[in-house]
Amino acid sequence: MSEAEAACGGGGGGKEQDRFLPIANIGRIMRRAVPENGKIAKDSKESIQECVSEFISFITSEASDKCMKERRKTINGDDIIWSLGTLGFEEYVEPLKIYLKNYREVSFNSNLPLSSSSCYWVFIIIVFKREGTICGV
């Protein structure tokens, strides 16, 4: 089993729904990138669900390695952004830094809890909007 599969909960024991992001959320994000009258096939949603979950595992694994080297136990948004840059996704680093800064300001001012997973969702939305299409679907 690869590290990515292990990080995603693959390889044994775990339920499939625990390994992947919720398909309803994936579908909602995909609908933002297609015309209003566009249709998205179920197998397309499932393929994107697998790809996105694997991608998140890939990015998280790199951030986790960084935290382990620095003897930290918690991955934060800065670690995720760092791993994106390290793994060749430099064009997303600045937009996400701006988003994370604004998110932290809003969270601090409103006492909302910080959620590192929100960084993933924003990244996914940025990718879909920038590409104008979802993996050619």
N, C-alpha and C. Protein backbone atom coordinates (compact mmCIF):
# COMPACT_ATOMS: atom_id res chain seq x y z
N MET A 1 0.86 -1.19 0.00
CA MET A 1 0.00 0.00 0.00
C MET A 1 0.89 1.23 0.00
N SER A 2 0.58 2.21 -0.87
CA SER A 2 1.37 3.44 -0.94
C SER A 2 1.07 4.34 0.25
N GLU A 3 1.96 5.33 0.44
CA GLU A 3 1.72 6.30 1.52
C GLU A 3 0.42 7.05 1.29
N ALA A 4 0.16 7.39 0.02
CA ALA A 4 -1.06 8.13 -0.29
C ALA A 4 -2.30 7.32 0.05
N GLU A 5 -2.26 6.01 -0.26
CA GLU A 5 -3.40 5.16 0.08
C GLU A 5 -3.58 5.07 1.59
N ALA A 6 -2.46 4.96 2.29
CA ALA A 6 -2.54 4.89 3.75
C ALA A 6 -3.10 6.18 4.32
N ALA A 7 -2.65 7.32 3.80
CA ALA A 7 -3.12 8.61 4.30
C ALA A 7 -4.59 8.81 3.98
N CYS A 8 -5.04 8.24 2.87
CA CYS A 8 -6.44 8.37 2.46
C CYS A 8 -7.32 7.33 3.13
N GLY A 9 -6.72 6.47 3.93
CA GLY A 9 -7.50 5.44 4.60
C GLY A 9 -7.65 4.19 3.77
N GLY A 10 -6.86 4.08 2.69
CA GLY A 10 -6.96 2.93 1.81
C GLY A 10 -6.27 1.72 2.37
N GLY A 11 -6.54 0.59 1.75
CA GLY A 11 -5.82 -0.61 2.09
C GLY A 11 -6.51 -1.52 3.06
N GLY A 12 -7.46 -1.10 3.79
CA GLY A 12 -8.11 -2.06 4.66
C GLY A 12 -8.93 -1.42 5.73
N GLY A 13 -9.96 -2.12 6.08
CA GLY A 13 -10.75 -1.76 7.24
C GLY A 13 -11.64 -0.56 7.09
N GLY A 14 -11.20 0.48 6.40
CA GLY A 14 -11.98 1.70 6.35
C GLY A 14 -13.11 1.63 5.34
N LYS A 15 -14.18 2.33 5.64
CA LYS A 15 -15.30 2.41 4.72
C LYS A 15 -14.93 3.34 3.57
N GLU A 16 -15.48 3.08 2.39
CA GLU A 16 -15.16 3.90 1.23
C GLU A 16 -15.53 5.36 1.47
N GLN A 17 -16.67 5.61 2.10
CA GLN A 17 -17.07 7.00 2.32
C GLN A 17 -16.12 7.73 3.27
N ASP A 18 -15.34 6.99 4.06
CA ASP A 18 -14.35 7.62 4.94
C ASP A 18 -13.08 7.99 4.18
N ARG A 19 -12.84 7.34 3.05
CA ARG A 19 -11.64 7.60 2.26
C ARG A 19 -11.80 8.80 1.34
N PHE A 20 -13.02 9.11 0.95
CA PHE A 20 -13.26 10.14 -0.05
C PHE A 20 -14.03 11.31 0.53
N LEU A 21 -13.87 12.45 -0.13
CA LEU A 21 -14.68 13.62 0.21
C LEU A 21 -16.13 13.33 -0.18
N PRO A 22 -17.08 13.95 0.48
CA PRO A 22 -18.50 13.69 0.17
C PRO A 22 -18.83 14.02 -1.28
N ILE A 23 -19.48 13.09 -1.96
CA ILE A 23 -19.82 13.25 -3.37
C ILE A 23 -20.76 14.44 -3.60
N ALA A 24 -21.61 14.74 -2.63
CA ALA A 24 -22.52 15.89 -2.77
C ALA A 24 -21.72 17.19 -2.83
N ASN A 25 -20.68 17.31 -2.03
CA ASN A 25 -19.84 18.50 -2.06
C ASN A 25 -19.09 18.60 -3.39
N ILE A 26 -18.58 17.48 -3.85
CA ILE A 26 -17.88 17.44 -5.14
C ILE A 26 -18.83 17.89 -6.25
N GLY A 27 -20.03 17.35 -6.25
CA GLY A 27 -21.02 17.71 -7.27
C GLY A 27 -21.35 19.20 -7.24
N ARG A 28 -21.50 19.76 -6.05
CA ARG A 28 -21.79 21.19 -5.92
C ARG A 28 -20.68 22.04 -6.53
N ILE A 29 -19.45 21.68 -6.24
CA ILE A 29 -18.31 22.44 -6.76
C ILE A 29 -18.22 22.27 -8.28
N MET A 30 -18.45 21.07 -8.77
CA MET A 30 -18.41 20.84 -10.21
C MET A 30 -19.47 21.66 -10.93
N ARG A 31 -20.66 21.75 -10.34
CA ARG A 31 -21.74 22.51 -10.98
C ARG A 31 -21.38 23.99 -11.13
N ARG A 32 -20.52 24.50 -10.27
CA ARG A 32 -20.10 25.89 -10.39
C ARG A 32 -19.28 26.14 -11.65
N ALA A 33 -18.68 25.08 -12.19
CA ALA A 33 -17.76 25.22 -13.32
C ALA A 33 -18.39 24.88 -14.67
N VAL A 34 -19.62 24.40 -14.67
CA VAL A 34 -20.28 24.05 -15.93
C VAL A 34 -21.45 24.99 -16.16
N PRO A 35 -21.87 25.13 -17.42
CA PRO A 35 -23.03 25.99 -17.69
C PRO A 35 -24.25 25.54 -16.90
N GLU A 36 -25.15 26.48 -16.67
CA GLU A 36 -26.34 26.21 -15.85
C GLU A 36 -27.15 25.02 -16.36
N ASN A 37 -27.22 24.86 -17.66
CA ASN A 37 -27.99 23.76 -18.23
C ASN A 37 -27.14 22.50 -18.46
N GLY A 38 -25.88 22.53 -18.00
CA GLY A 38 -24.98 21.39 -18.19
C GLY A 38 -25.33 20.22 -17.27
N LYS A 39 -24.99 19.05 -17.73
CA LYS A 39 -25.22 17.82 -16.95
C LYS A 39 -23.87 17.25 -16.56
N ILE A 40 -23.82 16.64 -15.39
CA ILE A 40 -22.60 15.98 -14.93
C ILE A 40 -22.95 14.54 -14.62
N ALA A 41 -22.30 13.63 -15.32
CA ALA A 41 -22.57 12.20 -15.13
C ALA A 41 -22.07 11.74 -13.76
N LYS A 42 -22.75 10.76 -13.21
CA LYS A 42 -22.38 10.22 -11.90
C LYS A 42 -20.95 9.70 -11.89
N ASP A 43 -20.54 9.01 -12.97
CA ASP A 43 -19.18 8.48 -12.99
C ASP A 43 -18.14 9.59 -13.07
N SER A 44 -18.52 10.74 -13.63
CA SER A 44 -17.61 11.89 -13.64
C SER A 44 -17.41 12.41 -12.22
N LYS A 45 -18.50 12.51 -11.47
CA LYS A 45 -18.39 12.94 -10.07
C LYS A 45 -17.53 11.98 -9.27
N GLU A 46 -17.73 10.69 -9.50
CA GLU A 46 -16.97 9.68 -8.76
C GLU A 46 -15.49 9.74 -9.12
N SER A 47 -15.18 9.98 -10.40
CA SER A 47 -13.78 10.09 -10.83
C SER A 47 -13.11 11.30 -10.19
N ILE A 48 -13.82 12.43 -10.21
CA ILE A 48 -13.28 13.64 -9.58
C ILE A 48 -13.13 13.42 -8.09
N GLN A 49 -14.09 12.75 -7.47
CA GLN A 49 -14.02 12.46 -6.04
C GLN A 49 -12.74 11.69 -5.72
N GLU A 50 -12.43 10.68 -6.52
CA GLU A 50 -11.21 9.90 -6.30
C GLU A 50 -9.97 10.74 -6.53
N CYS A 51 -9.96 11.52 -7.63
CA CYS A 51 -8.79 12.36 -7.94
C CYS A 51 -8.53 13.39 -6.85
N VAL A 52 -9.57 14.07 -6.43
CA VAL A 52 -9.42 15.11 -5.41
C VAL A 52 -8.96 14.50 -4.09
N SER A 53 -9.51 13.37 -3.73
CA SER A 53 -9.11 12.72 -2.48
C SER A 53 -7.65 12.29 -2.54
N GLU A 54 -7.22 11.76 -3.68
CA GLU A 54 -5.83 11.36 -3.85
C GLU A 54 -4.92 12.59 -3.82
N PHE A 55 -5.35 13.67 -4.48
CA PHE A 55 -4.57 14.90 -4.50
C PHE A 55 -4.38 15.44 -3.08
N ILE A 56 -5.45 15.47 -2.33
CA ILE A 56 -5.37 15.96 -0.95
C ILE A 56 -4.43 15.09 -0.13
N SER A 57 -4.49 13.80 -0.34
CA SER A 57 -3.59 12.90 0.36
C SER A 57 -2.14 13.18 -0.01
N PHE A 58 -1.88 13.43 -1.28
CA PHE A 58 -0.54 13.75 -1.79
C PHE A 58 0.00 15.02 -1.14
N ILE A 59 -0.80 16.07 -1.15
CA ILE A 59 -0.39 17.36 -0.57
C ILE A 59 -0.21 17.22 0.95
N THR A 60 -1.14 16.55 1.59
CA THR A 60 -1.08 16.38 3.04
C THR A 60 0.13 15.56 3.47
N SER A 61 0.47 14.56 2.68
CA SER A 61 1.63 13.73 3.00
C SER A 61 2.90 14.57 3.01
N GLU A 62 3.04 15.45 2.04
CA GLU A 62 4.22 16.34 1.99
C GLU A 62 4.23 17.28 3.19
N ALA A 63 3.08 17.85 3.52
CA ALA A 63 2.99 18.75 4.68
C ALA A 63 3.28 17.99 5.97
N SER A 64 2.81 16.76 6.05
CA SER A 64 3.05 15.93 7.23
C SER A 64 4.53 15.64 7.40
N ASP A 65 5.20 15.33 6.30
CA ASP A 65 6.65 15.08 6.36
C ASP A 65 7.39 16.31 6.88
N LYS A 66 6.98 17.48 6.41
CA LYS A 66 7.59 18.74 6.88
C LYS A 66 7.39 18.90 8.38
N CYS A 67 6.18 18.65 8.84
CA CYS A 67 5.89 18.79 10.27
C CYS A 67 6.69 17.79 11.10
N MET A 68 6.83 16.59 10.59
CA MET A 68 7.61 15.58 11.32
C MET A 68 9.07 16.01 11.44
N LYS A 69 9.63 16.55 10.34
CA LYS A 69 11.02 17.02 10.37
C LYS A 69 11.19 18.17 11.36
N GLU A 70 10.15 18.98 11.49
CA GLU A 70 10.19 20.12 12.41
C GLU A 70 9.70 19.75 13.80
N ARG A 71 9.43 18.48 14.01
CA ARG A 71 8.97 17.94 15.29
C ARG A 71 7.68 18.61 15.78
N ARG A 72 6.77 18.82 14.82
CA ARG A 72 5.45 19.35 15.16
C ARG A 72 4.41 18.28 14.89
N LYS A 73 3.32 18.34 15.62
CA LYS A 73 2.28 17.33 15.48
C LYS A 73 1.07 17.81 14.69
N THR A 74 0.97 19.10 14.45
CA THR A 74 -0.21 19.65 13.80
C THR A 74 0.15 20.29 12.47
N ILE A 75 -0.57 19.90 11.43
CA ILE A 75 -0.42 20.51 10.11
C ILE A 75 -1.33 21.73 10.07
N ASN A 76 -0.80 22.87 9.62
CA ASN A 76 -1.64 24.06 9.51
C ASN A 76 -1.74 24.50 8.04
N GLY A 77 -2.50 25.54 7.80
CA GLY A 77 -2.70 26.03 6.44
C GLY A 77 -1.41 26.44 5.76
N ASP A 78 -0.48 27.01 6.52
CA ASP A 78 0.81 27.40 5.96
C ASP A 78 1.58 26.18 5.46
N ASP A 79 1.47 25.07 6.16
CA ASP A 79 2.14 23.84 5.74
C ASP A 79 1.55 23.32 4.43
N ILE A 80 0.24 23.40 4.30
CA ILE A 80 -0.43 22.96 3.08
C ILE A 80 0.01 23.83 1.91
N ILE A 81 0.03 25.14 2.11
CA ILE A 81 0.45 26.05 1.05
C ILE A 81 1.90 25.80 0.68
N TRP A 82 2.75 25.58 1.68
CA TRP A 82 4.17 25.27 1.42
C TRP A 82 4.28 24.02 0.56
N SER A 83 3.51 22.98 0.91
CA SER A 83 3.61 21.73 0.15
C SER A 83 3.12 21.91 -1.29
N LEU A 84 2.12 22.75 -1.51
CA LEU A 84 1.68 23.03 -2.88
C LEU A 84 2.81 23.62 -3.70
N GLY A 85 3.53 24.59 -3.12
CA GLY A 85 4.66 25.20 -3.81
C GLY A 85 5.77 24.20 -4.07
N THR A 86 6.05 23.38 -3.09
CA THR A 86 7.12 22.38 -3.19
C THR A 86 6.81 21.34 -4.25
N LEU A 87 5.56 21.00 -4.41
CA LEU A 87 5.16 19.94 -5.34
C LEU A 87 4.81 20.45 -6.73
N GLY A 88 5.10 21.72 -7.01
CA GLY A 88 4.93 22.23 -8.37
C GLY A 88 3.65 22.98 -8.65
N PHE A 89 2.92 23.35 -7.62
CA PHE A 89 1.67 24.09 -7.81
C PHE A 89 1.85 25.55 -7.37
N GLU A 90 2.96 26.14 -7.81
CA GLU A 90 3.32 27.49 -7.36
C GLU A 90 2.27 28.54 -7.68
N GLU A 91 1.56 28.37 -8.80
CA GLU A 91 0.59 29.39 -9.20
C GLU A 91 -0.58 29.52 -8.23
N TYR A 92 -0.74 28.55 -7.34
CA TYR A 92 -1.82 28.60 -6.37
C TYR A 92 -1.38 29.12 -5.01
N VAL A 93 -0.08 29.28 -4.83
CA VAL A 93 0.45 29.66 -3.52
C VAL A 93 -0.02 31.06 -3.12
N GLU A 94 0.17 32.05 -3.97
CA GLU A 94 -0.20 33.42 -3.61
C GLU A 94 -1.70 33.60 -3.36
N PRO A 95 -2.58 33.09 -4.26
CA PRO A 95 -4.02 33.23 -3.96
C PRO A 95 -4.40 32.58 -2.64
N LEU A 96 -3.80 31.43 -2.33
CA LEU A 96 -4.14 30.76 -1.07
C LEU A 96 -3.56 31.48 0.13
N LYS A 97 -2.39 32.10 -0.02
CA LYS A 97 -1.83 32.89 1.09
C LYS A 97 -2.76 34.06 1.41
N ILE A 98 -3.26 34.71 0.37
CA ILE A 98 -4.18 35.83 0.57
C ILE A 98 -5.47 35.33 1.23
N TYR A 99 -6.01 34.22 0.72
CA TYR A 99 -7.22 33.66 1.32
C TYR A 99 -7.00 33.30 2.78
N LEU A 100 -5.89 32.62 3.08
CA LEU A 100 -5.63 32.19 4.45
C LEU A 100 -5.48 33.38 5.38
N LYS A 101 -4.80 34.42 4.91
CA LYS A 101 -4.65 35.64 5.72
C LYS A 101 -6.02 36.23 6.02
N ASN A 102 -6.86 36.39 4.99
CA ASN A 102 -8.21 36.94 5.19
C ASN A 102 -9.05 36.03 6.08
N TYR A 103 -8.94 34.75 5.88
CA TYR A 103 -9.70 33.78 6.68
C TYR A 103 -9.32 33.88 8.15
N ARG A 104 -8.03 34.00 8.40
CA ARG A 104 -7.57 34.10 9.79
C ARG A 104 -8.06 35.40 10.43
N GLU A 105 -8.05 36.48 9.66
CA GLU A 105 -8.55 37.76 10.19
C GLU A 105 -10.03 37.66 10.55
N VAL A 106 -10.82 37.09 9.66
CA VAL A 106 -12.25 36.94 9.91
C VAL A 106 -12.48 36.00 11.08
N SER A 107 -11.76 34.89 11.12
CA SER A 107 -11.92 33.92 12.21
C SER A 107 -11.53 34.53 13.54
N PHE A 108 -10.46 35.30 13.55
CA PHE A 108 -10.00 35.93 14.78
C PHE A 108 -11.02 36.95 15.27
N ASN A 109 -11.54 37.76 14.35
CA ASN A 109 -12.49 38.81 14.72
C ASN A 109 -13.86 38.27 15.12
N SER A 110 -14.21 37.09 14.64
CA SER A 110 -15.55 36.56 14.94
C SER A 110 -15.50 35.34 15.86
N ASN A 111 -14.31 35.00 16.34
CA ASN A 111 -14.11 33.83 17.21
C ASN A 111 -14.54 32.52 16.56
N LEU A 112 -14.47 32.46 15.22
CA LEU A 112 -14.76 31.21 14.52
C LEU A 112 -13.55 30.29 14.62
N PRO A 113 -13.76 29.00 14.75
CA PRO A 113 -12.61 28.09 14.79
C PRO A 113 -11.95 27.99 13.42
N LEU A 114 -10.63 27.90 13.38
CA LEU A 114 -9.91 27.72 12.13
C LEU A 114 -10.03 26.27 11.69
N SER A 115 -10.25 26.06 10.42
CA SER A 115 -10.35 24.71 9.88
C SER A 115 -9.38 24.58 8.73
N SER A 116 -8.39 23.69 8.86
CA SER A 116 -7.43 23.51 7.79
C SER A 116 -8.09 22.93 6.54
N SER A 117 -9.20 22.21 6.70
CA SER A 117 -9.85 21.62 5.54
C SER A 117 -10.45 22.69 4.63
N SER A 118 -10.76 23.86 5.16
CA SER A 118 -11.32 24.91 4.31
C SER A 118 -10.32 25.34 3.26
N CYS A 119 -9.04 25.25 3.57
CA CYS A 119 -8.00 25.59 2.61
C CYS A 119 -8.08 24.66 1.40
N TYR A 120 -8.36 23.38 1.63
CA TYR A 120 -8.50 22.42 0.54
C TYR A 120 -9.65 22.80 -0.37
N TRP A 121 -10.80 23.11 0.23
CA TRP A 121 -11.97 23.43 -0.57
C TRP A 121 -11.75 24.68 -1.39
N VAL A 122 -11.12 25.68 -0.81
CA VAL A 122 -10.84 26.90 -1.56
C VAL A 122 -9.91 26.59 -2.71
N PHE A 123 -8.90 25.76 -2.47
CA PHE A 123 -7.98 25.39 -3.53
C PHE A 123 -8.71 24.70 -4.67
N ILE A 124 -9.58 23.77 -4.35
CA ILE A 124 -10.32 23.04 -5.37
C ILE A 124 -11.17 24.00 -6.19
N ILE A 125 -11.84 24.93 -5.54
CA ILE A 125 -12.67 25.91 -6.25
C ILE A 125 -11.80 26.79 -7.14
N ILE A 126 -10.64 27.24 -6.64
CA ILE A 126 -9.73 28.06 -7.44
C ILE A 126 -9.29 27.31 -8.68
N VAL A 127 -8.93 26.04 -8.54
CA VAL A 127 -8.50 25.24 -9.68
C VAL A 127 -9.61 25.13 -10.70
N PHE A 128 -10.82 24.80 -10.27
CA PHE A 128 -11.93 24.64 -11.20
C PHE A 128 -12.23 25.95 -11.92
N LYS A 129 -12.22 27.05 -11.21
CA LYS A 129 -12.52 28.34 -11.84
C LYS A 129 -11.41 28.74 -12.82
N ARG A 130 -10.16 28.50 -12.43
CA ARG A 130 -9.04 28.89 -13.28
C ARG A 130 -9.01 28.06 -14.56
N GLU A 131 -9.25 26.77 -14.45
CA GLU A 131 -9.19 25.90 -15.61
C GLU A 131 -10.41 26.08 -16.50
N GLY A 132 -11.52 26.54 -15.94
CA GLY A 132 -12.73 26.74 -16.72
C GLY A 132 -13.44 25.43 -17.07
N THR A 133 -12.85 24.36 -16.69
CA THR A 133 -13.42 23.04 -16.94
C THR A 133 -12.94 22.11 -15.84
N ILE A 134 -13.56 21.01 -15.72
CA ILE A 134 -13.17 20.05 -14.69
C ILE A 134 -12.60 18.83 -15.38
N CYS A 135 -11.30 18.76 -15.48
CA CYS A 135 -10.62 17.59 -16.07
C CYS A 135 -11.22 17.22 -17.41
N GLY A 136 -11.60 18.19 -18.20
CA GLY A 136 -12.15 17.92 -19.52
C GLY A 136 -13.56 17.38 -19.53
N VAL A 137 -14.22 17.35 -18.36
CA VAL A 137 -15.59 16.82 -18.29
C VAL A 137 -16.55 17.82 -18.88
